[in-house]
C-alpha atoms as a PDB file:
ATOM      1  CA  MET A   1      -9.753  -4.552  23.166  1.00  0.00           C
ATOM      2  CA  ILE A   2      -8.339  -5.002  19.230  1.00  0.00           C
ATOM      3  CA  ASP A   3      -9.854  -6.036  16.651  1.00  0.00           C
ATOM      4  CA  ILE A   4      -7.279  -6.961  14.366  1.00  0.00           C
ATOM      5  CA  HIS A   5      -9.255  -7.658  11.201  1.00  0.00           C
ATOM      6  CA  ALA A   6     -11.339  -4.703  10.561  1.00  0.00           C
ATOM      7  CA  HIS A   7     -11.958  -4.252   6.859  1.00  0.00           C
ATOM      8  CA  VAL A   8     -12.998  -0.701   6.251  1.00  0.00           C
ATOM      9  CA  THR A   9     -17.164  -0.575   5.774  1.00  0.00           C
ATOM     10  CA  THR A  10     -19.333   1.670   3.887  1.00  0.00           C
ATOM     11  CA  ASP A  11     -21.286   1.392   7.157  1.00  0.00           C
ATOM     12  CA  PHE A  12     -18.778   2.838   9.453  1.00  0.00           C
ATOM     13  CA  GLU A  13     -20.746   4.199  12.122  1.00  0.00           C
ATOM     14  CA  LEU A  14     -22.266   0.900  12.798  1.00  0.00           C
ATOM     15  CA  TYR A  15     -18.800  -1.180  12.794  1.00  0.00           C
ATOM     16  CA  ARG A  16     -18.241   1.626  15.864  1.00  0.00           C
ATOM     17  CA  GLN A  17     -20.841   1.319  17.810  1.00  0.00           C
ATOM     18  CA  ARG A  18     -21.134  -2.170  17.432  1.00  0.00           C
ATOM     19  CA  ALA A  19     -17.467  -2.106  18.364  1.00  0.00           C
ATOM     20  CA  GLU A  20     -17.633  -0.073  21.126  1.00  0.00           C
ATOM     21  CA  GLU A  21     -20.608  -2.357  22.696  1.00  0.00           C
ATOM     22  CA  ALA A  22     -17.627  -5.197  22.405  1.00  0.00           C
ATOM     23  CA  GLY A  23     -15.551  -3.399  24.473  1.00  0.00           C
ATOM     24  CA  VAL A  24     -12.979  -2.232  21.299  1.00  0.00           C
ATOM     25  CA  THR A  25     -10.849   0.578  22.017  1.00  0.00           C
ATOM     26  CA  ARG A  26      -8.194  -0.183  19.039  1.00  0.00           C
ATOM     27  CA  PRO A  27      -9.883  -1.555  15.471  1.00  0.00           C
ATOM     28  CA  VAL A  28      -6.833  -2.425  13.351  1.00  0.00           C
ATOM     29  CA  PHE A  29      -8.243  -1.032   9.846  1.00  0.00           C
ATOM     30  CA  LEU A  30      -7.856  -2.808   6.775  1.00  0.00           C
ATOM     31  CA  SER A  31      -8.356  -1.887   2.918  1.00  0.00           C
ATOM     32  CA  THR A  32     -11.186  -3.483   0.983  1.00  0.00           C
ATOM     33  CA  ALA A  33     -12.203  -2.998  -2.848  1.00  0.00           C
ATOM     34  CA  VAL A  34     -15.216  -4.530  -2.426  1.00  0.00           C
ATOM     35  CA  HIS A  35     -18.286  -3.604  -0.036  1.00  0.00           C
ATOM     36  CA  PRO A  36     -20.717  -6.306   0.577  1.00  0.00           C
ATOM     37  CA  GLU A  37     -22.202  -4.551   3.406  1.00  0.00           C
ATOM     38  CA  ARG A  38     -24.192  -1.652   1.131  1.00  0.00           C
ATOM     39  CA  ALA A  39     -25.619  -4.500  -0.513  1.00  0.00           C
ATOM     40  CA  THR A  40     -29.478  -4.710  -0.161  1.00  0.00           C
ATOM     41  CA  THR A  41     -30.925  -7.892  -2.613  1.00  0.00           C
ATOM     42  CA  LEU A  42     -29.393 -10.722  -3.422  1.00  0.00           C
ATOM     43  CA  ASP A  43     -28.272  -9.877  -6.589  1.00  0.00           C
ATOM     44  CA  GLU A  44     -26.298  -6.961  -5.007  1.00  0.00           C
ATOM     45  CA  VAL A  45     -24.814  -9.708  -2.430  1.00  0.00           C
ATOM     46  CA  ARG A  46     -24.076 -12.056  -5.541  1.00  0.00           C
ATOM     47  CA  ALA A  47     -22.162  -9.195  -7.479  1.00  0.00           C
ATOM     48  CA  GLU A  48     -19.885  -7.931  -4.451  1.00  0.00           C
ATOM     49  CA  LEU A  49     -18.716 -11.619  -3.723  1.00  0.00           C
ATOM     50  CA  ASP A  50     -18.266 -12.247  -7.331  1.00  0.00           C
ATOM     51  CA  GLY A  51     -16.064  -8.882  -7.515  1.00  0.00           C
ATOM     52  CA  LEU A  52     -14.088 -10.256  -4.373  1.00  0.00           C
ATOM     53  CA  ALA A  53     -13.815 -14.007  -5.884  1.00  0.00           C
ATOM     54  CA  GLY A  54     -11.678 -12.383  -9.147  1.00  0.00           C
ATOM     55  CA  LEU A  55      -9.607 -10.485  -6.490  1.00  0.00           C
ATOM     56  CA  LEU A  56      -8.957 -14.177  -4.617  1.00  0.00           C
ATOM     57  CA  ASP A  57      -9.151 -15.535  -7.756  1.00  0.00           C
ATOM     58  CA  GLY A  58      -5.673 -13.238  -8.593  1.00  0.00           C
ATOM     59  CA  ALA A  59      -6.780 -10.364 -10.211  1.00  0.00           C
ATOM     60  CA  THR A  60      -4.709  -7.589 -10.446  1.00  0.00           C
ATOM     61  CA  THR A  61      -5.783  -4.710  -8.285  1.00  0.00           C
ATOM     62  CA  PRO A  62      -5.431  -1.266 -10.797  1.00  0.00           C
ATOM     63  CA  ASP A  63      -3.970   1.286  -9.273  1.00  0.00           C
ATOM     64  CA  GLU A  64      -7.131   3.522  -9.271  1.00  0.00           C
ATOM     65  CA  ARG A  65      -9.016   0.964  -6.827  1.00  0.00           C
ATOM     66  CA  TYR A  66      -6.207   0.133  -4.779  1.00  0.00           C
ATOM     67  CA  GLY A  67      -5.811   4.085  -3.705  1.00  0.00           C
ATOM     68  CA  ARG A  68      -9.313   4.729  -3.133  1.00  0.00           C
ATOM     69  CA  SER A  69      -8.908   1.757  -0.412  1.00  0.00           C
ATOM     70  CA  GLN A  70      -6.211   3.592   0.554  1.00  0.00           C
ATOM     71  CA  ARG A  71      -8.327   6.787   1.050  1.00  0.00           C
ATOM     72  CA  GLU A  72     -10.587   4.909   3.015  1.00  0.00           C
ATOM     73  CA  VAL A  73      -8.917   3.467   5.298  1.00  0.00           C
ATOM     74  CA  GLU A  74      -7.448   6.867   5.732  1.00  0.00           C
ATOM     75  CA  VAL A  75     -10.715   8.583   6.384  1.00  0.00           C
ATOM     76  CA  ALA A  76     -11.792   5.515   8.901  1.00  0.00           C
ATOM     77  CA  LEU A  77      -8.029   6.337  10.924  1.00  0.00           C
ATOM     78  CA  ALA A  78      -9.358  10.401  10.666  1.00  0.00           C
ATOM     79  CA  ALA A  79     -12.759   9.399  12.675  1.00  0.00           C
ATOM     80  CA  TRP A  80     -11.448   6.871  15.149  1.00  0.00           C
ATOM     81  CA  PRO A  81      -8.411   8.777  17.549  1.00  0.00           C
ATOM     82  CA  GLY A  82      -6.222   5.482  18.523  1.00  0.00           C
ATOM     83  CA  ALA A  83      -6.805   3.658  15.353  1.00  0.00           C
ATOM     84  CA  LEU A  84      -4.564   1.603  13.567  1.00  0.00           C
ATOM     85  CA  ALA A  85      -4.453  -0.335   9.701  1.00  0.00           C
ATOM     86  CA  MET A  86      -2.649  -2.652   7.794  1.00  0.00           C
ATOM     87  CA  ARG A  87      -0.502  -1.606   4.594  1.00  0.00           C
ATOM     88  CA  LYS A  88      -1.869  -3.598   1.369  1.00  0.00           C
ATOM     89  CA  ILE A  89       0.373  -4.429  -0.551  1.00  0.00           C
ATOM     90  CA  ALA A  90      -0.164  -6.066  -4.097  1.00  0.00           C
ATOM     91  CA  LEU A  91       1.115  -9.781  -4.710  1.00  0.00           C
ATOM     92  CA  GLU A  92       1.554  -8.924  -8.524  1.00  0.00           C
ATOM     93  CA  TRP A  93       3.644  -5.824  -7.944  1.00  0.00           C
ATOM     94  CA  PRO A  94       7.594  -6.173  -9.185  1.00  0.00           C
ATOM     95  CA  ASP A  95      10.081  -6.439  -5.941  1.00  0.00           C
ATOM     96  CA  GLU A  96      11.556  -3.036  -6.135  1.00  0.00           C
ATOM     97  CA  ARG A  97       7.453  -1.739  -5.239  1.00  0.00           C
ATOM     98  CA  ILE A  98       7.043  -4.403  -2.765  1.00  0.00           C
ATOM     99  CA  MET A  99      10.075  -2.848  -0.850  1.00  0.00           C
ATOM    100  CA  ALA A 100       9.242   0.871  -1.940  1.00  0.00           C
ATOM    101  CA  ALA A 101       5.556   0.131   0.340  1.00  0.00           C
ATOM    102  CA  THR A 102       7.447  -1.824   3.087  1.00  0.00           C
ATOM    103  CA  GLN A 103       9.376   1.337   3.770  1.00  0.00           C
ATOM    104  CA  ASP A 104       6.622   3.227   3.970  1.00  0.00           C
ATOM    105  CA  ALA A 105       4.488   1.040   5.931  1.00  0.00           C
ATOM    106  CA  VAL A 106       7.245   0.736   8.572  1.00  0.00           C
ATOM    107  CA  ALA A 107       7.770   4.585   8.607  1.00  0.00           C
ATOM    108  CA  ASP A 108       4.095   5.289   9.247  1.00  0.00           C
ATOM    109  CA  PRO A 109       3.054   5.602  12.829  1.00  0.00           C
ATOM    110  CA  HIS A 110      -0.763   4.173  12.360  1.00  0.00           C
ATOM    111  CA  THR A 111       0.875   1.157  10.150  1.00  0.00           C
ATOM    112  CA  VAL A 112       0.908  -2.084  12.664  1.00  0.00           C
ATOM    113  CA  GLY A 113       1.040  -4.543   9.588  1.00  0.00           C
ATOM    114  CA  ILE A 114       0.894  -5.767   6.265  1.00  0.00           C
ATOM    115  CA  GLY A 115      -2.434  -6.840   4.595  1.00  0.00           C
ATOM    116  CA  GLU A 116      -4.568  -8.942   4.226  1.00  0.00           C
ATOM    117  CA  LEU A 117      -2.725 -10.584   0.911  1.00  0.00           C
ATOM    118  CA  THR A 118      -4.646 -12.628  -0.970  1.00  0.00           C
ATOM    119  CA  PRO A 119      -2.707 -15.018  -2.847  1.00  0.00           C
ATOM    120  CA  ALA A 120      -4.925 -17.364  -5.291  1.00  0.00           C
ATOM    121  CA  GLY A 121      -5.684 -20.970  -4.052  1.00  0.00           C
ATOM    122  CA  GLY A 122      -3.120 -22.926  -4.335  1.00  0.00           C
ATOM    123  CA  GLN A 123      -0.586 -19.857  -4.720  1.00  0.00           C
ATOM    124  CA  GLY A 124       0.100 -19.563  -1.168  1.00  0.00           C
ATOM    125  CA  ALA A 125       3.632 -19.132  -2.105  1.00  0.00           C
ATOM    126  CA  LEU A 126       3.656 -15.795  -3.371  1.00  0.00           C
ATOM    127  CA  ILE A 127       3.296 -14.458   0.061  1.00  0.00           C
ATOM    128  CA  GLU A 128       7.511 -14.590   0.167  1.00  0.00           C
ATOM    129  CA  SER A 129       7.535 -11.225  -1.694  1.00  0.00           C
ATOM    130  CA  VAL A 130       6.392  -9.307   0.972  1.00  0.00           C
ATOM    131  CA  VAL A 131       7.347 -11.276   3.939  1.00  0.00           C
ATOM    132  CA  ARG A 132      10.971 -11.243   2.542  1.00  0.00           C
ATOM    133  CA  ALA A 133      10.838  -7.371   2.328  1.00  0.00           C
ATOM    134  CA  SER A 134       9.175  -7.019   6.454  1.00  0.00           C
ATOM    135  CA  ALA A 135      12.427  -8.692   6.615  1.00  0.00           C
ATOM    136  CA  GLU A 136      14.729  -7.211   4.825  1.00  0.00           C
ATOM    137  CA  THR A 137      13.700  -3.869   5.943  1.00  0.00           C
ATOM    138  CA  THR A 138      15.740  -1.451   8.674  1.00  0.00           C
ATOM    139  CA  ALA A 139      13.485  -1.267  11.261  1.00  0.00           C
ATOM    140  CA  GLY A 140      14.145  -2.458  14.391  1.00  0.00           C
ATOM    141  CA  ARG A 141      11.354  -5.083  14.746  1.00  0.00           C
ATOM    142  CA  PRO A 142       9.549  -6.689  10.716  1.00  0.00           C
ATOM    143  CA  LEU A 143       5.889  -5.881  10.235  1.00  0.00           C
ATOM    144  CA  PRO A 144       3.196  -9.087  11.011  1.00  0.00           C
ATOM    145  CA  VAL A 145       2.031 -10.205   7.430  1.00  0.00           C
ATOM    146  CA  LEU A 146      -1.919 -11.493   8.001  1.00  0.00           C
ATOM    147  CA  THR A 147      -2.589 -13.570   5.151  1.00  0.00           C
ATOM    148  CA  HIS A 148      -6.247 -14.442   3.980  1.00  0.00           C
ATOM    149  CA  GLY A 149      -6.548 -18.022   5.440  1.00  0.00           C
ATOM    150  CA  ILE A 150      -9.652 -19.163   4.286  1.00  0.00           C
ATOM    151  CA  GLU A 151     -11.543 -20.238   0.803  1.00  0.00           C
ATOM    152  CA  PRO A 152      -9.466 -20.472  -2.094  1.00  0.00           C
ATOM    153  CA  ASN A 153      -6.841 -20.441   0.393  1.00  0.00           C
ATOM    154  CA  ASN A 154      -6.457 -24.767   1.064  1.00  0.00           C
ATOM    155  CA  ALA A 155      -4.212 -26.406   3.159  1.00  0.00           C
ATOM    156  CA  ASP A 156      -1.715 -26.363   1.056  1.00  0.00           C
ATOM    157  CA  ASP A 157      -1.399 -22.421   1.424  1.00  0.00           C
ATOM    158  CA  LEU A 158      -1.538 -23.062   4.741  1.00  0.00           C
ATOM    159  CA  ARG A 159       1.208 -25.301   4.614  1.00  0.00           C
ATOM    160  CA  ALA A 160       3.291 -23.002   2.271  1.00  0.00           C
ATOM    161  CA  TYR A 161       1.986 -20.146   4.326  1.00  0.00           C
ATOM    162  CA  ALA A 162       4.549 -21.637   7.390  1.00  0.00           C
ATOM    163  CA  ALA A 163       7.011 -22.860   5.112  1.00  0.00           C
ATOM    164  CA  VAL A 164       7.417 -18.848   4.497  1.00  0.00           C
ATOM    165  CA  ALA A 165       7.642 -18.255   8.318  1.00  0.00           C
ATOM    166  CA  ALA A 166       9.992 -20.691   8.528  1.00  0.00           C
ATOM    167  CA  ARG A 167      12.375 -18.662   6.335  1.00  0.00           C
ATOM    168  CA  HIS A 168      11.833 -15.764   7.689  1.00  0.00           C
ATOM    169  CA  PRO A 169      11.255 -15.840  11.602  1.00  0.00           C
ATOM    170  CA  ARG A 170      11.942 -12.632  12.284  1.00  0.00           C
ATOM    171  CA  VAL A 171       8.971 -11.942  11.017  1.00  0.00           C
ATOM    172  CA  PRO A 172       5.384 -12.099  12.524  1.00  0.00           C
ATOM    173  CA  VAL A 173       2.789 -14.237   9.902  1.00  0.00           C
ATOM    174  CA  ILE A 174      -0.988 -14.298  10.641  1.00  0.00           C
ATOM    175  CA  ILE A 175      -2.807 -16.733   9.077  1.00  0.00           C
ATOM    176  CA  GLY A 176      -5.998 -15.371   8.867  1.00  0.00           C
ATOM    177  CA  ALA A 177      -9.982 -15.961   8.819  1.00  0.00           C
ATOM    178  CA  PHE A 178      -8.297 -18.764  11.338  1.00  0.00           C
ATOM    179  CA  GLY A 179      -7.753 -20.836   8.572  1.00  0.00           C
ATOM    180  CA  GLY A 180     -11.563 -21.775   7.290  1.00  0.00           C
ATOM    181  CA  LEU A 181     -11.893 -24.996   6.596  1.00  0.00           C
ATOM    182  CA  ASN A 182      -8.641 -25.747   8.063  1.00  0.00           C
ATOM    183  CA  SER A 183      -8.411 -24.830  11.385  1.00  0.00           C
ATOM    184  CA  MET A 184      -7.133 -27.311  12.933  1.00  0.00           C
ATOM    185  CA  LEU A 185      -3.987 -27.895  10.034  1.00  0.00           C
ATOM    186  CA  ALA A 186      -3.611 -23.767  10.901  1.00  0.00           C
ATOM    187  CA  VAL A 187      -3.373 -24.561  15.089  1.00  0.00           C
ATOM    188  CA  ASP A 188      -1.115 -27.570  14.164  1.00  0.00           C
ATOM    189  CA  LEU A 189       0.982 -25.558  12.248  1.00  0.00           C
ATOM    190  CA  ALA A 190       1.081 -22.880  14.572  1.00  0.00           C
ATOM    191  CA  THR A 191       2.609 -25.054  16.956  1.00  0.00           C
ATOM    192  CA  GLN A 192       5.403 -26.179  15.296  1.00  0.00           C
ATOM    193  CA  HIS A 193       6.239 -22.820  14.082  1.00  0.00           C
ATOM    194  CA  PRO A 194       6.821 -20.017  16.935  1.00  0.00           C
ATOM    195  CA  ASN A 195       6.381 -16.881  14.844  1.00  0.00           C
ATOM    196  CA  VAL A 196       2.679 -18.204  13.231  1.00  0.00           C
ATOM    197  CA  TYR A 197      -0.193 -16.527  14.868  1.00  0.00           C
ATOM    198  CA  LEU A 198      -3.300 -16.636  14.422  1.00  0.00           C
ATOM    199  CA  ASP A 199      -6.757 -14.506  13.789  1.00  0.00           C
ATOM    200  CA  LEU A 200      -9.580 -16.092  15.192  1.00  0.00           C
ATOM    201  CA  SER A 201     -12.303 -14.559  13.520  1.00  0.00           C
ATOM    202  CA  SER A 202     -14.018 -15.833  11.081  1.00  0.00           C
ATOM    203  CA  ALA A 203     -13.717 -18.895  13.012  1.00  0.00           C
ATOM    204  CA  LEU A 204     -16.401 -22.109  12.193  1.00  0.00           C
ATOM    205  CA  GLN A 205     -15.999 -25.047  15.457  1.00  0.00           C
ATOM    206  CA  LEU A 206     -15.438 -23.767  18.647  1.00  0.00           C
ATOM    207  CA  PHE A 207     -14.024 -26.331  20.199  1.00  0.00           C
ATOM    208  CA  VAL A 208     -11.078 -25.935  17.733  1.00  0.00           C
ATOM    209  CA  VAL A 209     -10.687 -22.087  18.979  1.00  0.00           C
ATOM    210  CA  ARG A 210     -11.223 -23.296  22.582  1.00  0.00           C
ATOM    211  CA  ALA A 211      -8.533 -25.977  21.414  1.00  0.00           C
ATOM    212  CA  ALA A 212      -6.227 -23.314  19.851  1.00  0.00           C
ATOM    213  CA  LEU A 213      -6.698 -20.878  23.150  1.00  0.00           C
ATOM    214  CA  ASN A 214      -5.255 -23.806  25.175  1.00  0.00           C
ATOM    215  CA  GLU A 215      -2.262 -24.686  23.230  1.00  0.00           C
ATOM    216  CA  ILE A 216      -0.692 -21.402  21.863  1.00  0.00           C
ATOM    217  CA  PRO A 217      -2.370 -18.818  24.369  1.00  0.00           C
ATOM    218  CA  ASP A 218       0.019 -16.507  23.336  1.00  0.00           C
ATOM    219  CA  ARG A 219      -0.158 -16.249  19.903  1.00  0.00           C
ATOM    220  CA  CYS A 220      -4.407 -16.337  19.222  1.00  0.00           C
ATOM    221  CA  LEU A 221      -4.816 -13.273  17.885  1.00  0.00           C
ATOM    222  CA  PHE A 222      -9.362 -11.648  17.967  1.00  0.00           C
ATOM    223  CA  GLY A 223     -10.360 -10.278  15.189  1.00  0.00           C
ATOM    224  CA  SER A 224     -14.110  -9.499  13.650  1.00  0.00           C
ATOM    225  CA  ASN A 225     -13.070  -9.939   9.850  1.00  0.00           C
ATOM    226  CA  ALA A 226     -16.117  -7.361   9.334  1.00  0.00           C
ATOM    227  CA  PRO A 227     -18.025  -7.010   7.272  1.00  0.00           C
ATOM    228  CA  TYR A 228     -18.004 -10.534   6.787  1.00  0.00           C
ATOM    229  CA  GLY A 229     -18.142 -11.147  10.676  1.00  0.00           C
ATOM    230  CA  ASP A 230     -19.951  -9.175  13.666  1.00  0.00           C
ATOM    231  CA  VAL A 231     -17.390  -8.567  16.339  1.00  0.00           C
ATOM    232  CA  LEU A 232     -19.996  -8.524  19.273  1.00  0.00           C
ATOM    233  CA  ALA A 233     -20.268 -12.136  17.794  1.00  0.00           C
ATOM    234  CA  ALA A 234     -16.450 -12.692  17.790  1.00  0.00           C
ATOM    235  CA  ARG A 235     -16.330 -11.567  21.135  1.00  0.00           C
ATOM    236  CA  ALA A 236     -18.951 -14.031  21.991  1.00  0.00           C
ATOM    237  CA  THR A 237     -16.779 -16.982  20.239  1.00  0.00           C
ATOM    238  CA  VAL A 238     -13.798 -16.771  22.544  1.00  0.00           C
ATOM    239  CA  GLU A 239     -15.939 -16.375  25.603  1.00  0.00           C
ATOM    240  CA  ALA A 240     -17.432 -19.739  24.731  1.00  0.00           C
ATOM    241  CA  ALA A 241     -14.077 -21.072  24.048  1.00  0.00           C
ATOM    242  CA  THR A 242     -12.323 -20.135  27.388  1.00  0.00           C
ATOM    243  CA  GLN A 243     -13.407 -19.086  30.714  1.00  0.00           C
ATOM    244  CA  ASP A 244      -9.952 -18.648  31.615  1.00  0.00           C
ATOM    245  CA  ARG A 245     -10.060 -14.466  32.396  1.00  0.00           C
ATOM    246  CA  ALA A 246      -6.001 -14.794  31.656  1.00  0.00           C
ATOM    247  CA  ILE A 247      -6.354 -16.756  28.650  1.00  0.00           C
ATOM    248  CA  ARG A 248      -9.266 -14.497  27.360  1.00  0.00           C
ATOM    249  CA  ALA A 249      -7.319 -11.453  27.867  1.00  0.00           C
ATOM    250  CA  ARG A 250      -4.332 -12.319  26.127  1.00  0.00           C
ATOM    251  CA  ALA A 251      -6.808 -13.190  22.906  1.00  0.00           C
ATOM    252  CA  LEU A 252      -8.844 -10.342  23.220  1.00  0.00           C
ATOM    253  CA  GLU A 253      -6.063  -7.448  23.707  1.00  0.00           C
ATOM    254  CA  HIS A 254      -2.595  -8.762  25.501  1.00  0.00           C
ATOM    255  CA  ASN A 255      -1.344 -10.023  22.340  1.00  0.00           C
ATOM    256  CA  ALA A 256      -1.815  -7.810  19.961  1.00  0.00           C
ATOM    257  CA  GLN A 257      -0.615  -5.692  22.032  1.00  0.00           C
ATOM    258  CA  GLU A 258       2.994  -7.172  22.208  1.00  0.00           C
ATOM    259  CA  LEU A 259       2.960  -8.527  18.707  1.00  0.00           C
ATOM    260  CA  PHE A 260       2.046  -4.864  17.484  1.00  0.00           C
ATOM    261  CA  ASP A 261       4.526  -2.802  20.357  1.00  0.00           C
ATOM    262  CA  LEU A 262       1.611  -0.895  21.774  1.00  0.00           C
ATOM    263  CA  VAL A 263       2.256   0.997  24.824  1.00  0.00           C
ATOM    264  CA  GLU A 264      -0.523   1.178  26.915  1.00  0.00           C
END
């Protein structure tokens, strides 16, 4: 199994234990600037989520914080042989820096994608600078791009993601967190655009997951969105949504293998 959406957590060993219990053999680690999993009181949870809300509202990421979060990913990769990563790229960076970071990501054998991109609500079109950079790299296959798909991103943001994907058809664009409350729209957009994929993490409605697996079985990707979701619960959701073993296998592993061009 491949967990395509696993933020590095401060309780790394707990994630690893639960991921291995779920059957994950290759997690894809993403950086994060906040760590709600380390909170033990409601006030601490609130403080962490307030920090997250600021980032999702378009706050810039200082280079020091960015570097620290990237080092956390490097430590996780060293601790789990075979693990992979997505490279965080800040949307406020100038185009030259975005292109340089994308080229670095392409050259890194552990990096299989770019993300999670987190435009503020109503600013979904801002992902185009990164998607364009992926399309213009010298790589034979552009790196997939994972977007934030849940609140504060709204229906217009998901439509903006699909419009960007349509302008750059060689770049796979993954709508994260199953589109949140707009999951039905996310499925609609994926059926209309062959390079739009769906991250099944944080799915809220089982019957929409079932519809997605039936309509676009080759573009649904298993993810936990740890620490905001649990990897065992995420697997149970996929298994509850379909009894078809071939479709399950595609969602849990094979689609990601093909998308990331992995050799098993």
